[in-house]
PDB file of N, CA and C in Angstrom:
ATOM      1  N   MET A   1       0.814  -1.187   0.000  1.00  0.00           N
ATOM      2  CA  MET A   1       0.000   0.000   0.000  1.00  0.00           C
ATOM      3  C   MET A   1       0.862   1.257   0.000  1.00  0.00           C
ATOM      4  N   SER A   2       2.010   1.210   0.654  1.00  0.00           N
ATOM      5  CA  SER A   2       2.912   2.352   0.714  1.00  0.00           C
ATOM      6  C   SER A   2       3.429   2.717  -0.679  1.00  0.00           C
ATOM      7  N   LEU A   3       3.700   1.715  -1.492  1.00  0.00           N
ATOM      8  CA  LEU A   3       4.169   1.948  -2.856  1.00  0.00           C
ATOM      9  C   LEU A   3       3.093   2.678  -3.666  1.00  0.00           C
ATOM     10  N   ARG A   4       1.873   2.274  -3.515  1.00  0.00           N
ATOM     11  CA  ARG A   4       0.770   2.914  -4.229  1.00  0.00           C
ATOM     12  C   ARG A   4       0.605   4.372  -3.784  1.00  0.00           C
ATOM     13  N   LYS A   5       0.759   4.645  -2.504  1.00  0.00           N
ATOM     14  CA  LYS A   5       0.629   5.994  -1.963  1.00  0.00           C
ATOM     15  C   LYS A   5       1.757   6.889  -2.496  1.00  0.00           C
ATOM     16  N   ASN A   6       2.983   6.358  -2.542  1.00  0.00           N
ATOM     17  CA  ASN A   6       4.124   7.126  -3.071  1.00  0.00           C
ATOM     18  C   ASN A   6       3.953   7.428  -4.556  1.00  0.00           C
ATOM     19  N   PHE A   7       3.465   6.436  -5.307  1.00  0.00           N
ATOM     20  CA  PHE A   7       3.234   6.649  -6.736  1.00  0.00           C
ATOM     21  C   PHE A   7       2.192   7.736  -6.949  1.00  0.00           C
ATOM     22  N   SER A   8       1.153   7.702  -6.156  1.00  0.00           N
ATOM     23  CA  SER A   8       0.092   8.698  -6.271  1.00  0.00           C
ATOM     24  C   SER A   8       0.626  10.098  -5.986  1.00  0.00           C
ATOM     25  N   ARG A   9       1.450  10.247  -4.959  1.00  0.00           N
ATOM     26  CA  ARG A   9       2.054  11.553  -4.647  1.00  0.00           C
ATOM     27  C   ARG A   9       2.958  12.017  -5.782  1.00  0.00           C
ATOM     28  N   TRP A  10       3.752  11.073  -6.335  1.00  0.00           N
ATOM     29  CA  TRP A  10       4.668  11.425  -7.421  1.00  0.00           C
ATOM     30  C   TRP A  10       3.880  11.892  -8.638  1.00  0.00           C
ATOM     31  N   TRP A  11       2.790  11.178  -8.942  1.00  0.00           N
ATOM     32  CA  TRP A  11       1.992  11.521 -10.101  1.00  0.00           C
ATOM     33  C   TRP A  11       1.363  12.904  -9.939  1.00  0.00           C
ATOM     34  N   VAL A  12       0.833  13.199  -8.768  1.00  0.00           N
ATOM     35  CA  VAL A  12       0.221  14.506  -8.503  1.00  0.00           C
ATOM     36  C   VAL A  12       1.281  15.608  -8.593  1.00  0.00           C
ATOM     37  N   SER A  13       2.457  15.360  -8.040  1.00  0.00           N
ATOM     38  CA  SER A  13       3.544  16.349  -8.105  1.00  0.00           C
ATOM     39  C   SER A  13       3.973  16.597  -9.541  1.00  0.00           C
ATOM     40  N   GLY A  14       4.112  15.519 -10.305  1.00  0.00           N
ATOM     41  CA  GLY A  14       4.497  15.647 -11.717  1.00  0.00           C
ATOM     42  C   GLY A  14       3.463  16.390 -12.531  1.00  0.00           C
ATOM     43  N   ALA A  15       2.200  16.053 -12.297  1.00  0.00           N
ATOM     44  CA  ALA A  15       1.112  16.716 -13.026  1.00  0.00           C
ATOM     45  C   ALA A  15       1.050  18.201 -12.669  1.00  0.00           C
ATOM     46  N   SER A  16       1.277  18.525 -11.410  1.00  0.00           N
ATOM     47  CA  SER A  16       1.264  19.927 -10.979  1.00  0.00           C
ATOM     48  C   SER A  16       2.406  20.700 -11.621  1.00  0.00           C
ATOM     49  N   LEU A  17       3.580  20.090 -11.685  1.00  0.00           N
ATOM     50  CA  LEU A  17       4.735  20.739 -12.307  1.00  0.00           C
ATOM     51  C   LEU A  17       4.480  20.974 -13.786  1.00  0.00           C
ATOM     52  N   LEU A  18       3.931  19.985 -14.471  1.00  0.00           N
ATOM     53  CA  LEU A  18       3.625  20.119 -15.887  1.00  0.00           C
ATOM     54  C   LEU A  18       2.598  21.227 -16.126  1.00  0.00           C
ATOM     55  N   LEU A  19       1.578  21.283 -15.306  1.00  0.00           N
ATOM     56  CA  LEU A  19       0.566  22.326 -15.430  1.00  0.00           C
ATOM     57  C   LEU A  19       1.175  23.712 -15.214  1.00  0.00           C
ATOM     58  N   ALA A  20       2.043  23.835 -14.217  1.00  0.00           N
ATOM     59  CA  ALA A  20       2.701  25.116 -13.951  1.00  0.00           C
ATOM     60  C   ALA A  20       3.566  25.535 -15.134  1.00  0.00           C
ATOM     61  N   LEU A  21       4.266  24.596 -15.742  1.00  0.00           N
ATOM     62  CA  LEU A  21       5.111  24.893 -16.896  1.00  0.00           C
ATOM     63  C   LEU A  21       4.273  25.358 -18.076  1.00  0.00           C
ATOM     64  N   ILE A  22       3.183  24.668 -18.342  1.00  0.00           N
ATOM     65  CA  ILE A  22       2.305  25.042 -19.456  1.00  0.00           C
ATOM     66  C   ILE A  22       1.718  26.430 -19.233  1.00  0.00           C
ATOM     67  N   LEU A  23       1.251  26.702 -18.038  1.00  0.00           N
ATOM     68  CA  LEU A  23       0.661  28.013 -17.749  1.00  0.00           C
ATOM     69  C   LEU A  23       1.684  29.126 -17.831  1.00  0.00           C
ATOM     70  N   SER A  24       2.897  28.876 -17.375  1.00  0.00           N
ATOM     71  CA  SER A  24       3.911  29.938 -17.405  1.00  0.00           C
ATOM     72  C   SER A  24       4.345  30.265 -18.820  1.00  0.00           C
ATOM     73  N   THR A  25       4.480  29.272 -19.690  1.00  0.00           N
ATOM     74  CA  THR A  25       4.882  29.560 -21.063  1.00  0.00           C
ATOM     75  C   THR A  25       3.760  30.185 -21.858  1.00  0.00           C
ATOM     76  N   SER A  26       2.536  29.773 -21.623  1.00  0.00           N
ATOM     77  CA  SER A  26       1.426  30.395 -22.349  1.00  0.00           C
ATOM     78  C   SER A  26       1.174  31.795 -21.819  1.00  0.00           C
ATOM     79  N   GLY A  27       1.492  32.044 -20.574  1.00  0.00           N
ATOM     80  CA  GLY A  27       1.339  33.380 -20.000  1.00  0.00           C
ATOM     81  C   GLY A  27       2.250  34.374 -20.665  1.00  0.00           C
ATOM     82  N   CYS A  28       3.476  33.973 -20.966  1.00  0.00           N
ATOM     83  CA  CYS A  28       4.424  34.862 -21.648  1.00  0.00           C
ATOM     84  C   CYS A  28       3.883  35.248 -23.015  1.00  0.00           C
ATOM     85  N   SER A  29       3.343  34.298 -23.705  1.00  0.00           N
ATOM     86  CA  SER A  29       2.823  34.553 -25.034  1.00  0.00           C
ATOM     87  C   SER A  29       1.616  35.477 -24.986  1.00  0.00           C
ATOM     88  N   SER A  30       0.747  35.281 -24.008  1.00  0.00           N
ATOM     89  CA  SER A  30      -0.467  36.083 -23.982  1.00  0.00           C
ATOM     90  C   SER A  30      -0.204  37.521 -23.547  1.00  0.00           C
ATOM     91  N   LEU A  31       0.816  37.778 -22.765  1.00  0.00           N
ATOM     92  CA  LEU A  31       1.102  39.137 -22.315  1.00  0.00           C
ATOM     93  C   LEU A  31       1.716  39.991 -23.417  1.00  0.00           C
ATOM     94  N   THR A  32       2.633  39.432 -24.188  1.00  0.00           N
ATOM     95  CA  THR A  32       3.340  40.220 -25.191  1.00  0.00           C
ATOM     96  C   THR A  32       2.889  39.938 -26.607  1.00  0.00           C
ATOM     97  N   GLY A  33       2.160  38.849 -26.793  1.00  0.00           N
ATOM     98  CA  GLY A  33       1.790  38.450 -28.139  1.00  0.00           C
ATOM     99  C   GLY A  33       2.905  37.708 -28.840  1.00  0.00           C
ATOM    100  N   GLU A  34       3.996  37.450 -28.139  1.00  0.00           N
ATOM    101  CA  GLU A  34       5.137  36.764 -28.712  1.00  0.00           C
ATOM    102  C   GLU A  34       5.440  35.517 -27.892  1.00  0.00           C
ATOM    103  N   SER A  35       5.948  34.502 -28.560  1.00  0.00           N
ATOM    104  CA  SER A  35       6.399  33.327 -27.827  1.00  0.00           C
ATOM    105  C   SER A  35       7.754  33.655 -27.207  1.00  0.00           C
ATOM    106  N   ALA A  36       8.218  32.791 -26.324  1.00  0.00           N
ATOM    107  CA  ALA A  36       9.524  33.018 -25.694  1.00  0.00           C
ATOM    108  C   ALA A  36      10.622  33.068 -26.742  1.00  0.00           C
ATOM    109  N   GLY A  37      10.540  32.222 -27.757  1.00  0.00           N
ATOM    110  CA  GLY A  37      11.546  32.221 -28.824  1.00  0.00           C
ATOM    111  C   GLY A  37      11.536  33.506 -29.628  1.00  0.00           C
ATOM    112  N   GLN A  38      10.352  34.020 -29.937  1.00  0.00           N
ATOM    113  CA  GLN A  38      10.254  35.273 -30.677  1.00  0.00           C
ATOM    114  C   GLN A  38      10.830  36.423 -29.858  1.00  0.00           C
ATOM    115  N   TYR A  39      10.559  36.423 -28.551  1.00  0.00           N
ATOM    116  CA  TYR A  39      11.064  37.488 -27.694  1.00  0.00           C
ATOM    117  C   TYR A  39      12.585  37.497 -27.691  1.00  0.00           C
ATOM    118  N   VAL A  40      13.197  36.316 -27.626  1.00  0.00           N
ATOM    119  CA  VAL A  40      14.659  36.223 -27.639  1.00  0.00           C
ATOM    120  C   VAL A  40      15.186  36.714 -28.976  1.00  0.00           C
ATOM    121  N   ASP A  41      14.562  36.290 -30.085  1.00  0.00           N
ATOM    122  CA  ASP A  41      14.989  36.747 -31.405  1.00  0.00           C
ATOM    123  C   ASP A  41      14.890  38.263 -31.514  1.00  0.00           C
ATOM    124  N   ASP A  42      13.767  38.828 -31.074  1.00  0.00           N
ATOM    125  CA  ASP A  42      13.582  40.277 -31.130  1.00  0.00           C
ATOM    126  C   ASP A  42      14.608  40.996 -30.262  1.00  0.00           C
ATOM    127  N   SER A  43      14.909  40.443 -29.110  1.00  0.00           N
ATOM    128  CA  SER A  43      15.906  41.057 -28.229  1.00  0.00           C
ATOM    129  C   SER A  43      17.287  41.039 -28.863  1.00  0.00           C
ATOM    130  N   SER A  44      17.636  39.943 -29.521  1.00  0.00           N
ATOM    131  CA  SER A  44      18.956  39.881 -30.149  1.00  0.00           C
ATOM    132  C   SER A  44      19.024  40.797 -31.369  1.00  0.00           C
ATOM    133  N   ILE A  45      17.920  40.933 -32.100  1.00  0.00           N
ATOM    134  CA  ILE A  45      17.888  41.880 -33.221  1.00  0.00           C
ATOM    135  C   ILE A  45      18.079  43.299 -32.703  1.00  0.00           C
ATOM    136  N   THR A  46      17.354  43.661 -31.641  1.00  0.00           N
ATOM    137  CA  THR A  46      17.484  44.993 -31.057  1.00  0.00           C
ATOM    138  C   THR A  46      18.927  45.269 -30.643  1.00  0.00           C
ATOM    139  N   ALA A  47      19.539  44.308 -29.963  1.00  0.00           N
ATOM    140  CA  ALA A  47      20.925  44.476 -29.515  1.00  0.00           C
ATOM    141  C   ALA A  47      21.871  44.638 -30.700  1.00  0.00           C
ATOM    142  N   SER A  48      21.668  43.862 -31.754  1.00  0.00           N
ATOM    143  CA  SER A  48      22.531  43.959 -32.937  1.00  0.00           C
ATOM    144  C   SER A  48      22.381  45.304 -33.634  1.00  0.00           C
ATOM    145  N   VAL A  49      21.152  45.786 -33.743  1.00  0.00           N
ATOM    146  CA  VAL A  49      20.931  47.094 -34.386  1.00  0.00           C
ATOM    147  C   VAL A  49      21.581  48.196 -33.547  1.00  0.00           C
ATOM    148  N   LYS A  50      21.397  48.154 -32.229  1.00  0.00           N
ATOM    149  CA  LYS A  50      22.008  49.165 -31.357  1.00  0.00           C
ATOM    150  C   LYS A  50      23.525  49.156 -31.479  1.00  0.00           C
ATOM    151  N   THR A  51      24.108  47.976 -31.568  1.00  0.00           N
ATOM    152  CA  THR A  51      25.562  47.861 -31.721  1.00  0.00           C
ATOM    153  C   THR A  51      26.016  48.475 -33.033  1.00  0.00           C
ATOM    154  N   LYS A  52      25.299  48.190 -34.111  1.00  0.00           N
ATOM    155  CA  LYS A  52      25.640  48.767 -35.413  1.00  0.00           C
ATOM    156  C   LYS A  52      25.539  50.296 -35.381  1.00  0.00           C
ATOM    157  N   LEU A  53      24.473  50.808 -34.771  1.00  0.00           N
ATOM    158  CA  LEU A  53      24.286  52.257 -34.718  1.00  0.00           C
ATOM    159  C   LEU A  53      25.382  52.926 -33.889  1.00  0.00           C
ATOM    160  N   ALA A  54      25.714  52.337 -32.760  1.00  0.00           N
ATOM    161  CA  ALA A  54      26.732  52.920 -31.882  1.00  0.00           C
ATOM    162  C   ALA A  54      28.116  52.865 -32.510  1.00  0.00           C
ATOM    163  N   GLY A  55      28.372  51.855 -33.318  1.00  0.00           N
ATOM    164  CA  GLY A  55      29.697  51.693 -33.913  1.00  0.00           C
ATOM    165  C   GLY A  55      29.880  52.376 -35.248  1.00  0.00           C
ATOM    166  N   ASP A  56      28.846  53.025 -35.754  1.00  0.00           N
ATOM    167  CA  ASP A  56      28.944  53.643 -37.071  1.00  0.00           C
ATOM    168  C   ASP A  56      29.885  54.836 -37.048  1.00  0.00           C
ATOM    169  N   LYS A  57      30.800  54.854 -37.987  1.00  0.00           N
ATOM    170  CA  LYS A  57      31.807  55.929 -38.065  1.00  0.00           C
ATOM    171  C   LYS A  57      31.303  57.147 -38.840  1.00  0.00           C
ATOM    172  N   LEU A  58      30.273  56.958 -39.665  1.00  0.00           N
ATOM    173  CA  LEU A  58      29.810  58.037 -40.526  1.00  0.00           C
ATOM    174  C   LEU A  58      28.827  58.994 -39.862  1.00  0.00           C
ATOM    175  N   ALA A  59      28.130  58.522 -38.844  1.00  0.00           N
ATOM    176  CA  ALA A  59      27.087  59.357 -38.229  1.00  0.00           C
ATOM    177  C   ALA A  59      27.032  59.088 -36.731  1.00  0.00           C
ATOM    178  N   SER A  60      26.622  60.097 -35.994  1.00  0.00           N
ATOM    179  CA  SER A  60      26.425  59.940 -34.559  1.00  0.00           C
ATOM    180  C   SER A  60      24.975  59.543 -34.319  1.00  0.00           C
ATOM    181  N   LEU A  61      24.759  58.245 -34.052  1.00  0.00           N
ATOM    182  CA  LEU A  61      23.397  57.724 -33.954  1.00  0.00           C
ATOM    183  C   LEU A  61      23.094  57.199 -32.558  1.00  0.00           C
ATOM    184  N   THR A  62      23.690  57.816 -31.565  1.00  0.00           N
ATOM    185  CA  THR A  62      23.520  57.346 -30.190  1.00  0.00           C
ATOM    186  C   THR A  62      22.179  57.761 -29.575  1.00  0.00           C
ATOM    187  N   ARG A  63      21.475  58.691 -30.182  1.00  0.00           N
ATOM    188  CA  ARG A  63      20.178  59.139 -29.649  1.00  0.00           C
ATOM    189  C   ARG A  63      19.007  58.426 -30.315  1.00  0.00           C
ATOM    190  N   VAL A  64      19.284  57.315 -30.963  1.00  0.00           N
ATOM    191  CA  VAL A  64      18.247  56.543 -31.640  1.00  0.00           C
ATOM    192  C   VAL A  64      17.806  55.406 -30.727  1.00  0.00           C
ATOM    193  N   ASP A  65      16.495  55.345 -30.477  1.00  0.00           N
ATOM    194  CA  ASP A  65      15.920  54.267 -29.679  1.00  0.00           C
ATOM    195  C   ASP A  65      15.478  53.153 -30.630  1.00  0.00           C
ATOM    196  N   VAL A  66      15.781  51.912 -30.264  1.00  0.00           N
ATOM    197  CA  VAL A  66      15.465  50.768 -31.116  1.00  0.00           C
ATOM    198  C   VAL A  66      14.526  49.827 -30.372  1.00  0.00           C
ATOM    199  N   ASP A  67      13.434  49.462 -31.004  1.00  0.00           N
ATOM    200  CA  ASP A  67      12.500  48.467 -30.480  1.00  0.00           C
ATOM    201  C   ASP A  67      12.219  47.466 -31.594  1.00  0.00           C
ATOM    202  N   THR A  68      12.062  46.201 -31.226  1.00  0.00           N
ATOM    203  CA  THR A  68      11.767  45.165 -32.217  1.00  0.00           C
ATOM    204  C   THR A  68      10.596  44.318 -31.741  1.00  0.00           C
ATOM    205  N   THR A  69       9.617  44.140 -32.616  1.00  0.00           N
ATOM    206  CA  THR A  69       8.474  43.281 -32.345  1.00  0.00           C
ATOM    207  C   THR A  69       8.203  42.446 -33.588  1.00  0.00           C
ATOM    208  N   ASN A  70       8.204  41.127 -33.420  1.00  0.00           N
ATOM    209  CA  ASN A  70       7.976  40.210 -34.537  1.00  0.00           C
ATOM    210  C   ASN A  70       8.912  40.491 -35.707  1.00  0.00           C
ATOM    211  N   GLN A  71      10.159  40.776 -35.388  1.00  0.00           N
ATOM    212  CA  GLN A  71      11.238  41.021 -36.351  1.00  0.00           C
ATOM    213  C   GLN A  71      11.069  42.319 -37.149  1.00  0.00           C
ATOM    214  N   VAL A  72      10.183  43.192 -36.691  1.00  0.00           N
ATOM    215  CA  VAL A  72      10.016  44.518 -37.294  1.00  0.00           C
ATOM    216  C   VAL A  72      10.689  45.520 -36.364  1.00  0.00           C
ATOM    217  N   VAL A  73      11.703  46.200 -36.879  1.00  0.00           N
ATOM    218  CA  VAL A  73      12.480  47.149 -36.088  1.00  0.00           C
ATOM    219  C   VAL A  73      11.859  48.537 -36.200  1.00  0.00           C
ATOM    220  N   SER A  74      11.665  49.187 -35.060  1.00  0.00           N
ATOM    221  CA  SER A  74      11.193  50.571 -35.029  1.00  0.00           C
ATOM    222  C   SER A  74      12.315  51.456 -34.533  1.00  0.00           C
ATOM    223  N   LEU A  75      12.620  52.487 -35.312  1.00  0.00           N
ATOM    224  CA  LEU A  75      13.638  53.466 -34.943  1.00  0.00           C
ATOM    225  C   LEU A  75      12.928  54.740 -34.511  1.00  0.00           C
ATOM    226  N   ASN A  76      13.216  55.197 -33.298  1.00  0.00           N
ATOM    227  CA  ASN A  76      12.598  56.410 -32.760  1.00  0.00           C
ATOM    228  C   ASN A  76      13.688  57.296 -32.183  1.00  0.00           C
ATOM    229  N   GLY A  77      13.435  58.580 -32.164  1.00  0.00           N
ATOM    230  CA  GLY A  77      14.397  59.508 -31.584  1.00  0.00           C
ATOM    231  C   GLY A  77      14.669  60.668 -32.514  1.00  0.00           C
ATOM    232  N   VAL A  78      15.823  61.290 -32.302  1.00  0.00           N
ATOM    233  CA  VAL A  78      16.178  62.503 -33.030  1.00  0.00           C
ATOM    234  C   VAL A  78      17.549  62.347 -33.669  1.00  0.00           C
ATOM    235  N   VAL A  79      17.649  62.757 -34.929  1.00  0.00           N
ATOM    236  CA  VAL A  79      18.928  62.846 -35.634  1.00  0.00           C
ATOM    237  C   VAL A  79      19.043  64.251 -36.205  1.00  0.00           C
ATOM    238  N   GLU A  80      20.245  64.604 -36.649  1.00  0.00           N
ATOM    239  CA  GLU A  80      20.480  65.977 -37.112  1.00  0.00           C
ATOM    240  C   GLU A  80      20.215  66.186 -38.597  1.00  0.00           C
ATOM    241  N   THR A  81      20.323  65.124 -39.399  1.00  0.00           N
ATOM    242  CA  THR A  81      20.187  65.294 -40.853  1.00  0.00           C
ATOM    243  C   THR A  81      19.384  64.151 -41.467  1.00  0.00           C
ATOM    244  N   GLN A  82      18.917  64.392 -42.692  1.00  0.00           N
ATOM    245  CA  GLN A  82      18.232  63.356 -43.461  1.00  0.00           C
ATOM    246  C   GLN A  82      19.190  62.191 -43.736  1.00  0.00           C
ATOM    247  N   GLN A  83      20.457  62.489 -43.947  1.00  0.00           N
ATOM    248  CA  GLN A  83      21.455  61.447 -44.206  1.00  0.00           C
ATOM    249  C   GLN A  83      21.602  60.511 -42.996  1.00  0.00           C
ATOM    250  N   GLN A  84      21.575  61.075 -41.790  1.00  0.00           N
ATOM    251  CA  GLN A  84      21.656  60.244 -40.585  1.00  0.00           C
ATOM    252  C   GLN A  84      20.419  59.365 -40.453  1.00  0.00           C
ATOM    253  N   LYS A  85      19.274  59.907 -40.772  1.00  0.00           N
ATOM    254  CA  LYS A  85      18.034  59.140 -40.725  1.00  0.00           C
ATOM    255  C   LYS A  85      18.109  57.958 -41.690  1.00  0.00           C
ATOM    256  N   GLN A  86      18.562  58.212 -42.904  1.00  0.00           N
ATOM    257  CA  GLN A  86      18.688  57.155 -43.900  1.00  0.00           C
ATOM    258  C   GLN A  86      19.753  56.132 -43.494  1.00  0.00           C
ATOM    259  N   ARG A  87      20.856  56.616 -42.933  1.00  0.00           N
ATOM    260  CA  ARG A  87      21.940  55.725 -42.509  1.00  0.00           C
ATOM    261  C   ARG A  87      21.469  54.779 -41.401  1.00  0.00           C
ATOM    262  N   ALA A  88      20.703  55.291 -40.447  1.00  0.00           N
ATOM    263  CA  ALA A  88      20.190  54.457 -39.360  1.00  0.00           C
ATOM    264  C   ALA A  88      19.300  53.344 -39.914  1.00  0.00           C
ATOM    265  N   GLU A  89      18.452  53.680 -40.856  1.00  0.00           N
ATOM    266  CA  GLU A  89      17.581  52.676 -41.461  1.00  0.00           C
ATOM    267  C   GLU A  89      18.397  51.642 -42.236  1.00  0.00           C
ATOM    268  N   GLU A  90      19.376  52.123 -42.975  1.00  0.00           N
ATOM    269  CA  GLU A  90      20.248  51.228 -43.746  1.00  0.00           C
ATOM    270  C   GLU A  90      20.962  50.229 -42.826  1.00  0.00           C
ATOM    271  N   LEU A  91      21.500  50.722 -41.721  1.00  0.00           N
ATOM    272  CA  LEU A  91      22.200  49.845 -40.779  1.00  0.00           C
ATOM    273  C   LEU A  91      21.247  48.829 -40.159  1.00  0.00           C
ATOM    274  N   ALA A  92      20.046  49.258 -39.819  1.00  0.00           N
ATOM    275  CA  ALA A  92      19.065  48.345 -39.221  1.00  0.00           C
ATOM    276  C   ALA A  92      18.695  47.236 -40.207  1.00  0.00           C
ATOM    277  N   ARG A  93      18.555  47.578 -41.474  1.00  0.00           N
ATOM    278  CA  ARG A  93      18.193  46.583 -42.491  1.00  0.00           C
ATOM    279  C   ARG A  93      19.297  45.548 -42.703  1.00  0.00           C
ATOM    280  N   GLN A  94      20.532  45.880 -42.360  1.00  0.00           N
ATOM    281  CA  GLN A  94      21.663  44.963 -42.537  1.00  0.00           C
ATOM    282  C   GLN A  94      21.688  43.836 -41.510  1.00  0.00           C
ATOM    283  N   VAL A  95      20.958  43.975 -40.435  1.00  0.00           N
ATOM    284  CA  VAL A  95      20.982  42.978 -39.363  1.00  0.00           C
ATOM    285  C   VAL A  95      20.157  41.759 -39.778  1.00  0.00           C
ATOM    286  N   GLY A  96      20.709  40.592 -39.565  1.00  0.00           N
ATOM    287  CA  GLY A  96      20.029  39.349 -39.903  1.00  0.00           C
ATOM    288  C   GLY A  96      18.751  39.173 -39.105  1.00  0.00           C
ATOM    289  N   GLY A  97      17.700  38.698 -39.774  1.00  0.00           N
ATOM    290  CA  GLY A  97      16.436  38.434 -39.106  1.00  0.00           C
ATOM    291  C   GLY A  97      15.444  39.579 -39.170  1.00  0.00           C
ATOM    292  N   VAL A  98      15.882  40.755 -39.651  1.00  0.00           N
ATOM    293  CA  VAL A  98      14.989  41.916 -39.728  1.00  0.00           C
ATOM    294  C   VAL A  98      14.076  41.770 -40.940  1.00  0.00           C
ATOM    295  N   LYS A  99      12.753  41.784 -40.700  1.00  0.00           N
ATOM    296  CA  LYS A  99      11.779  41.703 -41.787  1.00  0.00           C
ATOM    297  C   LYS A  99      11.555  43.067 -42.425  1.00  0.00           C
ATOM    298  N   SER A 100      11.423  44.086 -41.571  1.00  0.00           N
ATOM    299  CA  SER A 100      11.224  45.442 -42.073  1.00  0.00           C
ATOM    300  C   SER A 100      11.634  46.444 -41.000  1.00  0.00           C
ATOM    301  N   VAL A 101      11.734  47.703 -41.427  1.00  0.00           N
ATOM    302  CA  VAL A 101      12.143  48.783 -40.520  1.00  0.00           C
ATOM    303  C   VAL A 101      11.125  49.913 -40.614  1.00  0.00           C
ATOM    304  N   LYS A 102      10.636  50.345 -39.449  1.00  0.00           N
ATOM    305  CA  LYS A 102       9.776  51.528 -39.365  1.00  0.00           C
ATOM    306  C   LYS A 102      10.663  52.675 -38.883  1.00  0.00           C
ATOM    307  N   ASN A 103      10.934  53.598 -39.765  1.00  0.00           N
ATOM    308  CA  ASN A 103      11.823  54.703 -39.444  1.00  0.00           C
ATOM    309  C   ASN A 103      10.998  55.906 -38.988  1.00  0.00           C
ATOM    310  N   ASN A 104      10.892  56.080 -37.667  1.00  0.00           N
ATOM    311  CA  ASN A 104      10.139  57.185 -37.084  1.00  0.00           C
ATOM    312  C   ASN A 104      11.051  58.301 -36.595  1.00  0.00           C
ATOM    313  N   LEU A 105      12.283  58.318 -37.079  1.00  0.00           N
ATOM    314  CA  LEU A 105      13.247  59.309 -36.596  1.00  0.00           C
ATOM    315  C   LEU A 105      12.845  60.713 -37.040  1.00  0.00           C
ATOM    316  N   GLN A 106      13.044  61.669 -36.140  1.00  0.00           N
ATOM    317  CA  GLN A 106      12.757  63.072 -36.401  1.00  0.00           C
ATOM    318  C   GLN A 106      14.078  63.789 -36.664  1.00  0.00           C
ATOM    319  N   ILE A 107      14.041  64.726 -37.583  1.00  0.00           N
ATOM    320  CA  ILE A 107      15.240  65.498 -37.904  1.00  0.00           C
ATOM    321  C   ILE A 107      15.162  66.819 -37.152  1.00  0.00           C
ATOM    322  N   GLN A 108      16.219  67.082 -36.399  1.00  0.00           N
ATOM    323  CA  GLN A 108      16.292  68.329 -35.646  1.00  0.00           C
ATOM    324  C   GLN A 108      17.721  68.828 -35.760  1.00  0.00           C
ATOM    325  N   ALA A 109      17.873  69.938 -36.487  1.00  0.00           N
ATOM    326  CA  ALA A 109      19.200  70.501 -36.701  1.00  0.00           C
ATOM    327  C   ALA A 109      19.836  70.871 -35.367  1.00  0.00           C
ATOM    328  N   LYS A 110      21.124  70.687 -35.290  1.00  0.00           N
ATOM    329  CA  LYS A 110      21.861  70.992 -34.075  1.00  0.00           C
ATOM    330  C   LYS A 110      21.830  72.490 -33.828  1.00  0.00           C
ATOM    331  N   SER A 111      21.460  72.887 -32.612  1.00  0.00           N
ATOM    332  CA  SER A 111      21.425  74.322 -32.291  1.00  0.00           C
ATOM    333  C   SER A 111      22.794  74.765 -31.802  1.00  0.00           C
ATOM    334  N   ASN A 112      23.124  75.979 -32.150  1.00  0.00           N
ATOM    335  CA  ASN A 112      24.451  76.514 -31.787  1.00  0.00           C
ATOM    336  C   ASN A 112      24.443  77.090 -30.423  1.00  0.00           C
TER     337      ASN A 112
END
């Protein structure tokens, strides 16, 4: 009888753990609309775009905010010229995994 009681406890514990795992992974998806894998991909795309922008020798693009959702990169912030705006978009498009780029950058000439 003791063996049966232990098996029953193990089964209930296992089932509870499985249920908790299923609920936690589906919870992530329902909050953001993305699966855990998509979130990681989007995070790595964002990091890669930020690295490219920060390392660019042709333009100062440190005031550009980068967000990625479902492999669509959004660029927000302020740049000084149309060329910088275009350069930021060009660099973002070079990153692997990017489906498209929404360039919302505003041009604001540097004040003296």
